[in-house]
Amino acid sequence: MSDNLAVLDKNKALQRVSGNEKLADDLLIMLLKELPGYIQGIKKELESGNKEELRKIIHKMHGGLSYVGAPALKDIVSRTDLELFDLSDEQLEKNITLIYKEINRVLEAGKYNSTTT
């Protein structure tokens, strides 16, 4: 579950970008800029009830998280991406609430710590 995972993990990010610290930091900065737009898109599609468009947003976010060390956010986004059409409305709402929570935690952290766990 995402509660046991780190908000940001520089070591994971470095693994994904072959140790390129500048690239890891740049990708995190890009993600931080995109997260508010993801929130708006998710809210819009939830209100309209369009699960196909909602899945596109979740899937795009999932892809963007593949190169960033944000394990807790990646976990809940990945699960939601894979299971979206199988989730009850109640479970989807819980997942989206967790996604918002993890987005806010990433935004609050804002950068990788030099020693992350």
PDB file of N, CA and C in Angstrom:
ATOM      1  N   MET A   1       0.837  -1.184   0.000  1.00  0.00           N
ATOM      2  CA  MET A   1       0.000   0.000   0.000  1.00  0.00           C
ATOM      3  C   MET A   1       0.878   1.243   0.000  1.00  0.00           C
ATOM      4  N   SER A   2       0.390   2.312  -0.527  1.00  0.00           N
ATOM      5  CA  SER A   2       1.192   3.520  -0.700  1.00  0.00           C
ATOM      6  C   SER A   2       1.599   4.175   0.614  1.00  0.00           C
ATOM      7  N   ASP A   3       0.905   3.906   1.731  1.00  0.00           N
ATOM      8  CA  ASP A   3       1.285   4.497   3.014  1.00  0.00           C
ATOM      9  C   ASP A   3       2.665   4.043   3.472  1.00  0.00           C
ATOM     10  N   ASN A   4       3.107   2.879   3.042  1.00  0.00           N
ATOM     11  CA  ASN A   4       4.404   2.350   3.446  1.00  0.00           C
ATOM     12  C   ASN A   4       5.523   2.785   2.511  1.00  0.00           C
ATOM     13  N   LEU A   5       5.197   3.494   1.463  1.00  0.00           N
ATOM     14  CA  LEU A   5       6.182   3.893   0.460  1.00  0.00           C
ATOM     15  C   LEU A   5       6.603   5.342   0.656  1.00  0.00           C
ATOM     16  N   ALA A   6       7.808   5.650   0.218  1.00  0.00           N
ATOM     17  CA  ALA A   6       8.330   7.008   0.322  1.00  0.00           C
ATOM     18  C   ALA A   6       7.572   7.959  -0.596  1.00  0.00           C
ATOM     19  N   VAL A   7       7.511   9.212  -0.173  1.00  0.00           N
ATOM     20  CA  VAL A   7       6.924  10.245  -1.033  1.00  0.00           C
ATOM     21  C   VAL A   7       7.833  10.449  -2.237  1.00  0.00           C
ATOM     22  N   LEU A   8       9.094  10.738  -1.977  1.00  0.00           N
ATOM     23  CA  LEU A   8      10.091  10.894  -3.030  1.00  0.00           C
ATOM     24  C   LEU A   8      11.315  10.058  -2.676  1.00  0.00           C
ATOM     25  N   ASP A   9      11.871   9.400  -3.669  1.00  0.00           N
ATOM     26  CA  ASP A   9      13.024   8.530  -3.456  1.00  0.00           C
ATOM     27  C   ASP A   9      14.028   8.778  -4.577  1.00  0.00           C
ATOM     28  N   LYS A  10      15.066   9.552  -4.246  1.00  0.00           N
ATOM     29  CA  LYS A  10      16.055   9.920  -5.256  1.00  0.00           C
ATOM     30  C   LYS A  10      16.789   8.691  -5.798  1.00  0.00           C
ATOM     31  N   ASN A  11      17.036   7.703  -4.939  1.00  0.00           N
ATOM     32  CA  ASN A  11      17.722   6.499  -5.408  1.00  0.00           C
ATOM     33  C   ASN A  11      16.934   5.783  -6.502  1.00  0.00           C
ATOM     34  N   LYS A  12      15.617   5.693  -6.323  1.00  0.00           N
ATOM     35  CA  LYS A  12      14.779   5.074  -7.362  1.00  0.00           C
ATOM     36  C   LYS A  12      14.821   5.895  -8.646  1.00  0.00           C
ATOM     37  N   ALA A  13      14.769   7.206  -8.506  1.00  0.00           N
ATOM     38  CA  ALA A  13      14.829   8.069  -9.688  1.00  0.00           C
ATOM     39  C   ALA A  13      16.151   7.870 -10.418  1.00  0.00           C
ATOM     40  N   LEU A  14      17.234   7.821  -9.674  1.00  0.00           N
ATOM     41  CA  LEU A  14      18.555   7.644 -10.296  1.00  0.00           C
ATOM     42  C   LEU A  14      18.671   6.296 -10.991  1.00  0.00           C
ATOM     43  N   GLN A  15      18.074   5.269 -10.437  1.00  0.00           N
ATOM     44  CA  GLN A  15      18.069   3.956 -11.099  1.00  0.00           C
ATOM     45  C   GLN A  15      17.377   4.038 -12.455  1.00  0.00           C
ATOM     46  N   ARG A  16      16.309   4.805 -12.517  1.00  0.00           N
ATOM     47  CA  ARG A  16      15.514   4.888 -13.744  1.00  0.00           C
ATOM     48  C   ARG A  16      16.177   5.729 -14.833  1.00  0.00           C
ATOM     49  N   VAL A  17      17.113   6.612 -14.434  1.00  0.00           N
ATOM     50  CA  VAL A  17      17.764   7.490 -15.409  1.00  0.00           C
ATOM     51  C   VAL A  17      19.270   7.255 -15.453  1.00  0.00           C
ATOM     52  N   SER A  18      19.660   6.033 -15.202  1.00  0.00           N
ATOM     53  CA  SER A  18      21.071   5.615 -15.301  1.00  0.00           C
ATOM     54  C   SER A  18      22.022   6.509 -14.515  1.00  0.00           C
ATOM     55  N   GLY A  19      21.586   6.941 -13.334  1.00  0.00           N
ATOM     56  CA  GLY A  19      22.458   7.714 -12.462  1.00  0.00           C
ATOM     57  C   GLY A  19      22.610   9.181 -12.801  1.00  0.00           C
ATOM     58  N   ASN A  20      21.892   9.670 -13.787  1.00  0.00           N
ATOM     59  CA  ASN A  20      22.008  11.065 -14.213  1.00  0.00           C
ATOM     60  C   ASN A  20      21.216  11.956 -13.244  1.00  0.00           C
ATOM     61  N   GLU A  21      21.927  12.555 -12.289  1.00  0.00           N
ATOM     62  CA  GLU A  21      21.288  13.342 -11.243  1.00  0.00           C
ATOM     63  C   GLU A  21      20.546  14.558 -11.797  1.00  0.00           C
ATOM     64  N   LYS A  22      21.124  15.253 -12.745  1.00  0.00           N
ATOM     65  CA  LYS A  22      20.466  16.423 -13.343  1.00  0.00           C
ATOM     66  C   LYS A  22      19.163  16.014 -14.026  1.00  0.00           C
ATOM     67  N   LEU A  23      19.192  14.915 -14.758  1.00  0.00           N
ATOM     68  CA  LEU A  23      17.978  14.440 -15.424  1.00  0.00           C
ATOM     69  C   LEU A  23      16.917  14.056 -14.399  1.00  0.00           C
ATOM     70  N   ALA A  24      17.323  13.382 -13.338  1.00  0.00           N
ATOM     71  CA  ALA A  24      16.366  13.010 -12.286  1.00  0.00           C
ATOM     72  C   ALA A  24      15.703  14.256 -11.705  1.00  0.00           C
ATOM     73  N   ASP A  25      16.499  15.275 -11.412  1.00  0.00           N
ATOM     74  CA  ASP A  25      15.952  16.516 -10.868  1.00  0.00           C
ATOM     75  C   ASP A  25      15.063  17.232 -11.878  1.00  0.00           C
ATOM     76  N   ASP A  26      15.476  17.272 -13.128  1.00  0.00           N
ATOM     77  CA  ASP A  26      14.682  17.927 -14.179  1.00  0.00           C
ATOM     78  C   ASP A  26      13.340  17.232 -14.380  1.00  0.00           C
ATOM     79  N   LEU A  27      13.331  15.903 -14.359  1.00  0.00           N
ATOM     80  CA  LEU A  27      12.079  15.159 -14.525  1.00  0.00           C
ATOM     81  C   LEU A  27      11.132  15.403 -13.359  1.00  0.00           C
ATOM     82  N   LEU A  28      11.687  15.520 -12.155  1.00  0.00           N
ATOM     83  CA  LEU A  28      10.847  15.826 -11.001  1.00  0.00           C
ATOM     84  C   LEU A  28      10.250  17.224 -11.140  1.00  0.00           C
ATOM     85  N   ILE A  29      11.043  18.179 -11.567  1.00  0.00           N
ATOM     86  CA  ILE A  29      10.538  19.543 -11.771  1.00  0.00           C
ATOM     87  C   ILE A  29       9.400  19.549 -12.794  1.00  0.00           C
ATOM     88  N   MET A  30       9.576  18.805 -13.874  1.00  0.00           N
ATOM     89  CA  MET A  30       8.515  18.714 -14.890  1.00  0.00           C
ATOM     90  C   MET A  30       7.248  18.116 -14.287  1.00  0.00           C
ATOM     91  N   LEU A  31       7.400  17.055 -13.504  1.00  0.00           N
ATOM     92  CA  LEU A  31       6.242  16.429 -12.881  1.00  0.00           C
ATOM     93  C   LEU A  31       5.538  17.407 -11.949  1.00  0.00           C
ATOM     94  N   LEU A  32       6.300  18.122 -11.140  1.00  0.00           N
ATOM     95  CA  LEU A  32       5.707  19.083 -10.213  1.00  0.00           C
ATOM     96  C   LEU A  32       4.874  20.132 -10.949  1.00  0.00           C
ATOM     97  N   LYS A  33       5.332  20.542 -12.119  1.00  0.00           N
ATOM     98  CA  LYS A  33       4.584  21.519 -12.914  1.00  0.00           C
ATOM     99  C   LYS A  33       3.306  20.917 -13.494  1.00  0.00           C
ATOM    100  N   GLU A  34       3.323  19.612 -13.782  1.00  0.00           N
ATOM    101  CA  GLU A  34       2.173  18.954 -14.409  1.00  0.00           C
ATOM    102  C   GLU A  34       1.105  18.507 -13.414  1.00  0.00           C
ATOM    103  N   LEU A  35       1.468  18.277 -12.168  1.00  0.00           N
ATOM    104  CA  LEU A  35       0.527  17.715 -11.202  1.00  0.00           C
ATOM    105  C   LEU A  35      -0.753  18.529 -11.018  1.00  0.00           C
ATOM    106  N   PRO A  36      -0.702  19.867 -10.907  1.00  0.00           N
ATOM    107  CA  PRO A  36      -1.964  20.616 -10.784  1.00  0.00           C
ATOM    108  C   PRO A  36      -2.898  20.399 -11.982  1.00  0.00           C
ATOM    109  N   GLY A  37      -2.348  20.272 -13.168  1.00  0.00           N
ATOM    110  CA  GLY A  37      -3.166  19.998 -14.347  1.00  0.00           C
ATOM    111  C   GLY A  37      -3.809  18.622 -14.297  1.00  0.00           C
ATOM    112  N   TYR A  38      -3.082  17.655 -13.761  1.00  0.00           N
ATOM    113  CA  TYR A  38      -3.656  16.319 -13.588  1.00  0.00           C
ATOM    114  C   TYR A  38      -4.838  16.372 -12.623  1.00  0.00           C
ATOM    115  N   ILE A  39      -4.699  17.125 -11.546  1.00  0.00           N
ATOM    116  CA  ILE A  39      -5.795  17.245 -10.581  1.00  0.00           C
ATOM    117  C   ILE A  39      -7.027  17.834 -11.267  1.00  0.00           C
ATOM    118  N   GLN A  40      -6.832  18.902 -12.022  1.00  0.00           N
ATOM    119  CA  GLN A  40      -7.955  19.542 -12.720  1.00  0.00           C
ATOM    120  C   GLN A  40      -8.604  18.579 -13.714  1.00  0.00           C
ATOM    121  N   GLY A  41      -7.780  17.858 -14.459  1.00  0.00           N
ATOM    122  CA  GLY A  41      -8.311  16.914 -15.440  1.00  0.00           C
ATOM    123  C   GLY A  41      -9.094  15.789 -14.795  1.00  0.00           C
ATOM    124  N   ILE A  42      -8.564  15.261 -13.700  1.00  0.00           N
ATOM    125  CA  ILE A  42      -9.260  14.188 -12.989  1.00  0.00           C
ATOM    126  C   ILE A  42     -10.605  14.692 -12.474  1.00  0.00           C
ATOM    127  N   LYS A  43     -10.606  15.858 -11.848  1.00  0.00           N
ATOM    128  CA  LYS A  43     -11.862  16.418 -11.320  1.00  0.00           C
ATOM    129  C   LYS A  43     -12.884  16.613 -12.435  1.00  0.00           C
ATOM    130  N   LYS A  44     -12.434  17.136 -13.555  1.00  0.00           N
ATOM    131  CA  LYS A  44     -13.334  17.391 -14.687  1.00  0.00           C
ATOM    132  C   LYS A  44     -13.966  16.094 -15.178  1.00  0.00           C
ATOM    133  N   GLU A  45     -13.153  15.074 -15.363  1.00  0.00           N
ATOM    134  CA  GLU A  45     -13.677  13.809 -15.896  1.00  0.00           C
ATOM    135  C   GLU A  45     -14.520  13.060 -14.875  1.00  0.00           C
ATOM    136  N   LEU A  46     -14.205  13.195 -13.594  1.00  0.00           N
ATOM    137  CA  LEU A  46     -15.062  12.596 -12.571  1.00  0.00           C
ATOM    138  C   LEU A  46     -16.436  13.244 -12.586  1.00  0.00           C
ATOM    139  N   GLU A  47     -16.457  14.573 -12.682  1.00  0.00           N
ATOM    140  CA  GLU A  47     -17.731  15.296 -12.712  1.00  0.00           C
ATOM    141  C   GLU A  47     -18.556  14.930 -13.935  1.00  0.00           C
ATOM    142  N   SER A  48     -17.884  14.722 -15.071  1.00  0.00           N
ATOM    143  CA  SER A  48     -18.613  14.384 -16.290  1.00  0.00           C
ATOM    144  C   SER A  48     -18.963  12.899 -16.352  1.00  0.00           C
ATOM    145  N   GLY A  49     -18.310  12.090 -15.504  1.00  0.00           N
ATOM    146  CA  GLY A  49     -18.570  10.654 -15.512  1.00  0.00           C
ATOM    147  C   GLY A  49     -17.921   9.917 -16.671  1.00  0.00           C
ATOM    148  N   ASN A  50     -16.957  10.555 -17.326  1.00  0.00           N
ATOM    149  CA  ASN A  50     -16.309   9.967 -18.490  1.00  0.00           C
ATOM    150  C   ASN A  50     -15.098   9.140 -18.056  1.00  0.00           C
ATOM    151  N   LYS A  51     -15.319   7.844 -17.831  1.00  0.00           N
ATOM    152  CA  LYS A  51     -14.242   6.975 -17.351  1.00  0.00           C
ATOM    153  C   LYS A  51     -13.153   6.767 -18.397  1.00  0.00           C
ATOM    154  N   GLU A  52     -13.505   6.816 -19.651  1.00  0.00           N
ATOM    155  CA  GLU A  52     -12.486   6.628 -20.700  1.00  0.00           C
ATOM    156  C   GLU A  52     -11.485   7.785 -20.688  1.00  0.00           C
ATOM    157  N   GLU A  53     -11.978   9.003 -20.598  1.00  0.00           N
ATOM    158  CA  GLU A  53     -11.084  10.163 -20.529  1.00  0.00           C
ATOM    159  C   GLU A  53     -10.333  10.196 -19.202  1.00  0.00           C
ATOM    160  N   LEU A  54     -10.995   9.785 -18.132  1.00  0.00           N
ATOM    161  CA  LEU A  54     -10.338   9.704 -16.832  1.00  0.00           C
ATOM    162  C   LEU A  54      -9.176   8.722 -16.906  1.00  0.00           C
ATOM    163  N   ARG A  55      -9.395   7.589 -17.539  1.00  0.00           N
ATOM    164  CA  ARG A  55      -8.327   6.599 -17.663  1.00  0.00           C
ATOM    165  C   ARG A  55      -7.164   7.152 -18.484  1.00  0.00           C
ATOM    166  N   LYS A  56      -7.444   7.934 -19.512  1.00  0.00           N
ATOM    167  CA  LYS A  56      -6.368   8.527 -20.312  1.00  0.00           C
ATOM    168  C   LYS A  56      -5.485   9.430 -19.454  1.00  0.00           C
ATOM    169  N   ILE A  57      -6.104  10.206 -18.588  1.00  0.00           N
ATOM    170  CA  ILE A  57      -5.342  11.090 -17.704  1.00  0.00           C
ATOM    171  C   ILE A  57      -4.516  10.271 -16.727  1.00  0.00           C
ATOM    172  N   ILE A  58      -5.142   9.275 -16.114  1.00  0.00           N
ATOM    173  CA  ILE A  58      -4.446   8.421 -15.145  1.00  0.00           C
ATOM    174  C   ILE A  58      -3.298   7.688 -15.835  1.00  0.00           C
ATOM    175  N   HIS A  59      -3.541   7.204 -17.036  1.00  0.00           N
ATOM    176  CA  HIS A  59      -2.517   6.470 -17.790  1.00  0.00           C
ATOM    177  C   HIS A  59      -1.332   7.380 -18.139  1.00  0.00           C
ATOM    178  N   LYS A  60      -1.629   8.589 -18.542  1.00  0.00           N
ATOM    179  CA  LYS A  60      -0.558   9.552 -18.855  1.00  0.00           C
ATOM    180  C   LYS A  60       0.269   9.864 -17.611  1.00  0.00           C
ATOM    181  N   MET A  61      -0.416  10.044 -16.483  1.00  0.00           N
ATOM    182  CA  MET A  61       0.293  10.296 -15.239  1.00  0.00           C
ATOM    183  C   MET A  61       1.154   9.084 -14.867  1.00  0.00           C
ATOM    184  N   HIS A  62       0.625   7.905 -15.062  1.00  0.00           N
ATOM    185  CA  HIS A  62       1.363   6.668 -14.781  1.00  0.00           C
ATOM    186  C   HIS A  62       2.644   6.621 -15.612  1.00  0.00           C
ATOM    187  N   GLY A  63       2.560   6.962 -16.876  1.00  0.00           N
ATOM    188  CA  GLY A  63       3.740   6.983 -17.735  1.00  0.00           C
ATOM    189  C   GLY A  63       4.765   8.001 -17.268  1.00  0.00           C
ATOM    190  N   GLY A  64       4.303   9.164 -16.883  1.00  0.00           N
ATOM    191  CA  GLY A  64       5.205  10.209 -16.407  1.00  0.00           C
ATOM    192  C   GLY A  64       5.910   9.833 -15.114  1.00  0.00           C
ATOM    193  N   LEU A  65       5.247   9.025 -14.308  1.00  0.00           N
ATOM    194  CA  LEU A  65       5.841   8.601 -13.040  1.00  0.00           C
ATOM    195  C   LEU A  65       6.869   7.489 -13.206  1.00  0.00           C
ATOM    196  N   SER A  66       6.959   6.931 -14.395  1.00  0.00           N
ATOM    197  CA  SER A  66       7.891   5.824 -14.631  1.00  0.00           C
ATOM    198  C   SER A  66       9.349   6.228 -14.475  1.00  0.00           C
ATOM    199  N   TYR A  67       9.651   7.510 -14.633  1.00  0.00           N
ATOM    200  CA  TYR A  67      11.033   7.972 -14.571  1.00  0.00           C
ATOM    201  C   TYR A  67      11.313   8.868 -13.376  1.00  0.00           C
ATOM    202  N   VAL A  68      10.357   8.956 -12.471  1.00  0.00           N
ATOM    203  CA  VAL A  68      10.501   9.804 -11.302  1.00  0.00           C
ATOM    204  C   VAL A  68      10.401   8.925 -10.062  1.00  0.00           C
ATOM    205  N   GLY A  69      11.184   9.210  -9.076  1.00  0.00           N
ATOM    206  CA  GLY A  69      11.140   8.453  -7.832  1.00  0.00           C
ATOM    207  C   GLY A  69      10.072   8.982  -6.892  1.00  0.00           C
ATOM    208  N   ALA A  70       8.820   8.669  -7.194  1.00  0.00           N
ATOM    209  CA  ALA A  70       7.689   9.025  -6.333  1.00  0.00           C
ATOM    210  C   ALA A  70       6.891   7.745  -6.087  1.00  0.00           C
ATOM    211  N   PRO A  71       7.448   6.817  -5.299  1.00  0.00           N
ATOM    212  CA  PRO A  71       6.873   5.481  -5.182  1.00  0.00           C
ATOM    213  C   PRO A  71       5.431   5.410  -4.681  1.00  0.00           C
ATOM    214  N   ALA A  72       5.069   6.212  -3.698  1.00  0.00           N
ATOM    215  CA  ALA A  72       3.711   6.145  -3.160  1.00  0.00           C
ATOM    216  C   ALA A  72       2.691   6.604  -4.203  1.00  0.00           C
ATOM    217  N   LEU A  73       2.978   7.701  -4.884  1.00  0.00           N
ATOM    218  CA  LEU A  73       2.076   8.184  -5.931  1.00  0.00           C
ATOM    219  C   LEU A  73       2.032   7.201  -7.084  1.00  0.00           C
ATOM    220  N   LYS A  74       3.164   6.694  -7.489  1.00  0.00           N
ATOM    221  CA  LYS A  74       3.204   5.732  -8.598  1.00  0.00           C
ATOM    222  C   LYS A  74       2.387   4.489  -8.267  1.00  0.00           C
ATOM    223  N   ASP A  75       2.452   4.033  -7.027  1.00  0.00           N
ATOM    224  CA  ASP A  75       1.719   2.833  -6.621  1.00  0.00           C
ATOM    225  C   ASP A  75       0.214   3.004  -6.805  1.00  0.00           C
ATOM    226  N   ILE A  76      -0.360   4.070  -6.264  1.00  0.00           N
ATOM    227  CA  ILE A  76      -1.809   4.246  -6.355  1.00  0.00           C
ATOM    228  C   ILE A  76      -2.234   4.585  -7.777  1.00  0.00           C
ATOM    229  N   VAL A  77      -1.433   5.336  -8.502  1.00  0.00           N
ATOM    230  CA  VAL A  77      -1.771   5.658  -9.896  1.00  0.00           C
ATOM    231  C   VAL A  77      -1.716   4.387 -10.745  1.00  0.00           C
ATOM    232  N   SER A  78      -0.706   3.565 -10.530  1.00  0.00           N
ATOM    233  CA  SER A  78      -0.565   2.319 -11.280  1.00  0.00           C
ATOM    234  C   SER A  78      -1.766   1.397 -11.042  1.00  0.00           C
ATOM    235  N   ARG A  79      -2.119   1.229  -9.779  1.00  0.00           N
ATOM    236  CA  ARG A  79      -3.265   0.365  -9.461  1.00  0.00           C
ATOM    237  C   ARG A  79      -4.552   0.903 -10.077  1.00  0.00           C
ATOM    238  N   THR A  80      -4.738   2.207 -10.017  1.00  0.00           N
ATOM    239  CA  THR A  80      -5.950   2.807 -10.579  1.00  0.00           C
ATOM    240  C   THR A  80      -5.957   2.674 -12.093  1.00  0.00           C
ATOM    241  N   ASP A  81      -4.812   2.873 -12.721  1.00  0.00           N
ATOM    242  CA  ASP A  81      -4.700   2.741 -14.174  1.00  0.00           C
ATOM    243  C   ASP A  81      -5.090   1.333 -14.615  1.00  0.00           C
ATOM    244  N   LEU A  82      -4.581   0.351 -13.930  1.00  0.00           N
ATOM    245  CA  LEU A  82      -4.813  -1.035 -14.325  1.00  0.00           C
ATOM    246  C   LEU A  82      -6.223  -1.533 -14.014  1.00  0.00           C
ATOM    247  N   GLU A  83      -6.843  -0.990 -12.974  1.00  0.00           N
ATOM    248  CA  GLU A  83      -8.120  -1.527 -12.495  1.00  0.00           C
ATOM    249  C   GLU A  83      -9.307  -0.600 -12.687  1.00  0.00           C
ATOM    250  N   LEU A  84      -9.121   0.551 -13.308  1.00  0.00           N
ATOM    251  CA  LEU A  84     -10.144   1.592 -13.318  1.00  0.00           C
ATOM    252  C   LEU A  84     -11.525   1.088 -13.725  1.00  0.00           C
ATOM    253  N   PHE A  85     -11.615   0.306 -14.775  1.00  0.00           N
ATOM    254  CA  PHE A  85     -12.923  -0.123 -15.266  1.00  0.00           C
ATOM    255  C   PHE A  85     -13.518  -1.243 -14.422  1.00  0.00           C
ATOM    256  N   ASP A  86     -12.722  -1.844 -13.543  1.00  0.00           N
ATOM    257  CA  ASP A  86     -13.211  -2.903 -12.667  1.00  0.00           C
ATOM    258  C   ASP A  86     -13.585  -2.391 -11.281  1.00  0.00           C
ATOM    259  N   LEU A  87     -13.242  -1.151 -10.980  1.00  0.00           N
ATOM    260  CA  LEU A  87     -13.503  -0.599  -9.658  1.00  0.00           C
ATOM    261  C   LEU A  87     -14.956  -0.163  -9.515  1.00  0.00           C
ATOM    262  N   SER A  88     -15.505  -0.398  -8.330  1.00  0.00           N
ATOM    263  CA  SER A  88     -16.824   0.155  -8.027  1.00  0.00           C
ATOM    264  C   SER A  88     -16.661   1.676  -7.924  1.00  0.00           C
ATOM    265  N   ASP A  89     -17.771   2.383  -7.997  1.00  0.00           N
ATOM    266  CA  ASP A  89     -17.704   3.842  -7.856  1.00  0.00           C
ATOM    267  C   ASP A  89     -17.101   4.222  -6.513  1.00  0.00           C
ATOM    268  N   GLU A  90     -17.446   3.470  -5.475  1.00  0.00           N
ATOM    269  CA  GLU A  90     -16.913   3.740  -4.138  1.00  0.00           C
ATOM    270  C   GLU A  90     -15.400   3.524  -4.096  1.00  0.00           C
ATOM    271  N   GLN A  91     -14.914   2.432  -4.691  1.00  0.00           N
ATOM    272  CA  GLN A  91     -13.481   2.162  -4.676  1.00  0.00           C
ATOM    273  C   GLN A  91     -12.730   3.169  -5.548  1.00  0.00           C
ATOM    274  N   LEU A  92     -13.315   3.546  -6.682  1.00  0.00           N
ATOM    275  CA  LEU A  92     -12.695   4.557  -7.533  1.00  0.00           C
ATOM    276  C   LEU A  92     -12.551   5.868  -6.758  1.00  0.00           C
ATOM    277  N   GLU A  93     -13.588   6.238  -6.038  1.00  0.00           N
ATOM    278  CA  GLU A  93     -13.533   7.465  -5.238  1.00  0.00           C
ATOM    279  C   GLU A  93     -12.415   7.379  -4.200  1.00  0.00           C
ATOM    280  N   LYS A  94     -12.260   6.226  -3.548  1.00  0.00           N
ATOM    281  CA  LYS A  94     -11.177   6.039  -2.567  1.00  0.00           C
ATOM    282  C   LYS A  94      -9.812   6.162  -3.242  1.00  0.00           C
ATOM    283  N   ASN A  95      -9.657   5.544  -4.407  1.00  0.00           N
ATOM    284  CA  ASN A  95      -8.387   5.623  -5.127  1.00  0.00           C
ATOM    285  C   ASN A  95      -8.066   7.059  -5.526  1.00  0.00           C
ATOM    286  N   ILE A  96      -9.062   7.772  -6.023  1.00  0.00           N
ATOM    287  CA  ILE A  96      -8.841   9.163  -6.442  1.00  0.00           C
ATOM    288  C   ILE A  96      -8.474  10.016  -5.228  1.00  0.00           C
ATOM    289  N   THR A  97      -9.113   9.778  -4.100  1.00  0.00           N
ATOM    290  CA  THR A  97      -8.763  10.493  -2.875  1.00  0.00           C
ATOM    291  C   THR A  97      -7.307  10.226  -2.508  1.00  0.00           C
ATOM    292  N   LEU A  98      -6.863   8.981  -2.631  1.00  0.00           N
ATOM    293  CA  LEU A  98      -5.461   8.645  -2.353  1.00  0.00           C
ATOM    294  C   LEU A  98      -4.521   9.304  -3.362  1.00  0.00           C
ATOM    295  N   ILE A  99      -4.938   9.360  -4.617  1.00  0.00           N
ATOM    296  CA  ILE A  99      -4.120  10.027  -5.632  1.00  0.00           C
ATOM    297  C   ILE A  99      -3.943  11.501  -5.265  1.00  0.00           C
ATOM    298  N   TYR A 100      -5.030  12.169  -4.900  1.00  0.00           N
ATOM    299  CA  TYR A 100      -4.939  13.574  -4.495  1.00  0.00           C
ATOM    300  C   TYR A 100      -4.010  13.730  -3.286  1.00  0.00           C
ATOM    301  N   LYS A 101      -4.147  12.830  -2.315  1.00  0.00           N
ATOM    302  CA  LYS A 101      -3.306  12.885  -1.122  1.00  0.00           C
ATOM    303  C   LYS A 101      -1.829  12.770  -1.497  1.00  0.00           C
ATOM    304  N   GLU A 102      -1.515  11.807  -2.356  1.00  0.00           N
ATOM    305  CA  GLU A 102      -0.118  11.589  -2.736  1.00  0.00           C
ATOM    306  C   GLU A 102       0.408  12.732  -3.610  1.00  0.00           C
ATOM    307  N   ILE A 103      -0.431  13.271  -4.478  1.00  0.00           N
ATOM    308  CA  ILE A 103      -0.013  14.437  -5.271  1.00  0.00           C
ATOM    309  C   ILE A 103       0.351  15.575  -4.328  1.00  0.00           C
ATOM    310  N   ASN A 104      -0.482  15.829  -3.338  1.00  0.00           N
ATOM    311  CA  ASN A 104      -0.212  16.911  -2.393  1.00  0.00           C
ATOM    312  C   ASN A 104       1.071  16.661  -1.617  1.00  0.00           C
ATOM    313  N   ARG A 105       1.332  15.412  -1.247  1.00  0.00           N
ATOM    314  CA  ARG A 105       2.572  15.098  -0.534  1.00  0.00           C
ATOM    315  C   ARG A 105       3.790  15.360  -1.424  1.00  0.00           C
ATOM    316  N   VAL A 106       3.700  14.994  -2.695  1.00  0.00           N
ATOM    317  CA  VAL A 106       4.807  15.245  -3.623  1.00  0.00           C
ATOM    318  C   VAL A 106       5.007  16.741  -3.802  1.00  0.00           C
ATOM    319  N   LEU A 107       3.911  17.475  -3.989  1.00  0.00           N
ATOM    320  CA  LEU A 107       4.015  18.920  -4.153  1.00  0.00           C
ATOM    321  C   LEU A 107       4.614  19.585  -2.909  1.00  0.00           C
ATOM    322  N   GLU A 108       4.238  19.107  -1.732  1.00  0.00           N
ATOM    323  CA  GLU A 108       4.781  19.667  -0.498  1.00  0.00           C
ATOM    324  C   GLU A 108       6.270  19.362  -0.357  1.00  0.00           C
ATOM    325  N   ALA A 109       6.672  18.157  -0.730  1.00  0.00           N
ATOM    326  CA  ALA A 109       8.093  17.788  -0.640  1.00  0.00           C
ATOM    327  C   ALA A 109       8.898  18.645  -1.608  1.00  0.00           C
ATOM    328  N   GLY A 110       8.430  18.735  -2.839  1.00  0.00           N
ATOM    329  CA  GLY A 110       9.012  19.638  -3.820  1.00  0.00           C
ATOM    330  C   GLY A 110      10.359  19.283  -4.407  1.00  0.00           C
ATOM    331  N   LYS A 111      11.135  18.480  -3.705  1.00  0.00           N
ATOM    332  CA  LYS A 111      12.448  18.098  -4.235  1.00  0.00           C
ATOM    333  C   LYS A 111      12.912  16.855  -3.499  1.00  0.00           C
ATOM    334  N   TYR A 112      13.876  16.185  -4.110  1.00  0.00           N
ATOM    335  CA  TYR A 112      14.469  15.029  -3.469  1.00  0.00           C
ATOM    336  C   TYR A 112      15.368  15.496  -2.333  1.00  0.00           C
ATOM    337  N   ASN A 113      15.328  14.789  -1.241  1.00  0.00           N
ATOM    338  CA  ASN A 113      16.290  15.026  -0.178  1.00  0.00           C
ATOM    339  C   ASN A 113      17.607  14.386  -0.604  1.00  0.00           C
ATOM    340  N   SER A 114      18.707  14.873  -0.087  1.00  0.00           N
ATOM    341  CA  SER A 114      20.003  14.276  -0.445  1.00  0.00           C
ATOM    342  C   SER A 114      20.105  12.853   0.078  1.00  0.00           C
ATOM    343  N   THR A 115      19.463  12.557   1.180  1.00  0.00           N
ATOM    344  CA  THR A 115      19.422  11.182   1.676  1.00  0.00           C
ATOM    345  C   THR A 115      17.962  10.804   1.824  1.00  0.00           C
ATOM    346  N   THR A 116      17.461  10.029   0.876  1.00  0.00           N
ATOM    347  CA  THR A 116      16.073   9.615   0.891  1.00  0.00           C
ATOM    348  C   THR A 116      15.984   8.139   1.172  1.00  0.00           C
ATOM    349  N   THR A 117      14.835   7.734   1.730  1.00  0.00           N
ATOM    350  CA  THR A 117      14.594   6.326   1.968  1.00  0.00           C
ATOM    351  C   THR A 117      13.273   5.925   1.387  1.00  0.00           C
TER     352      THR A 117
END
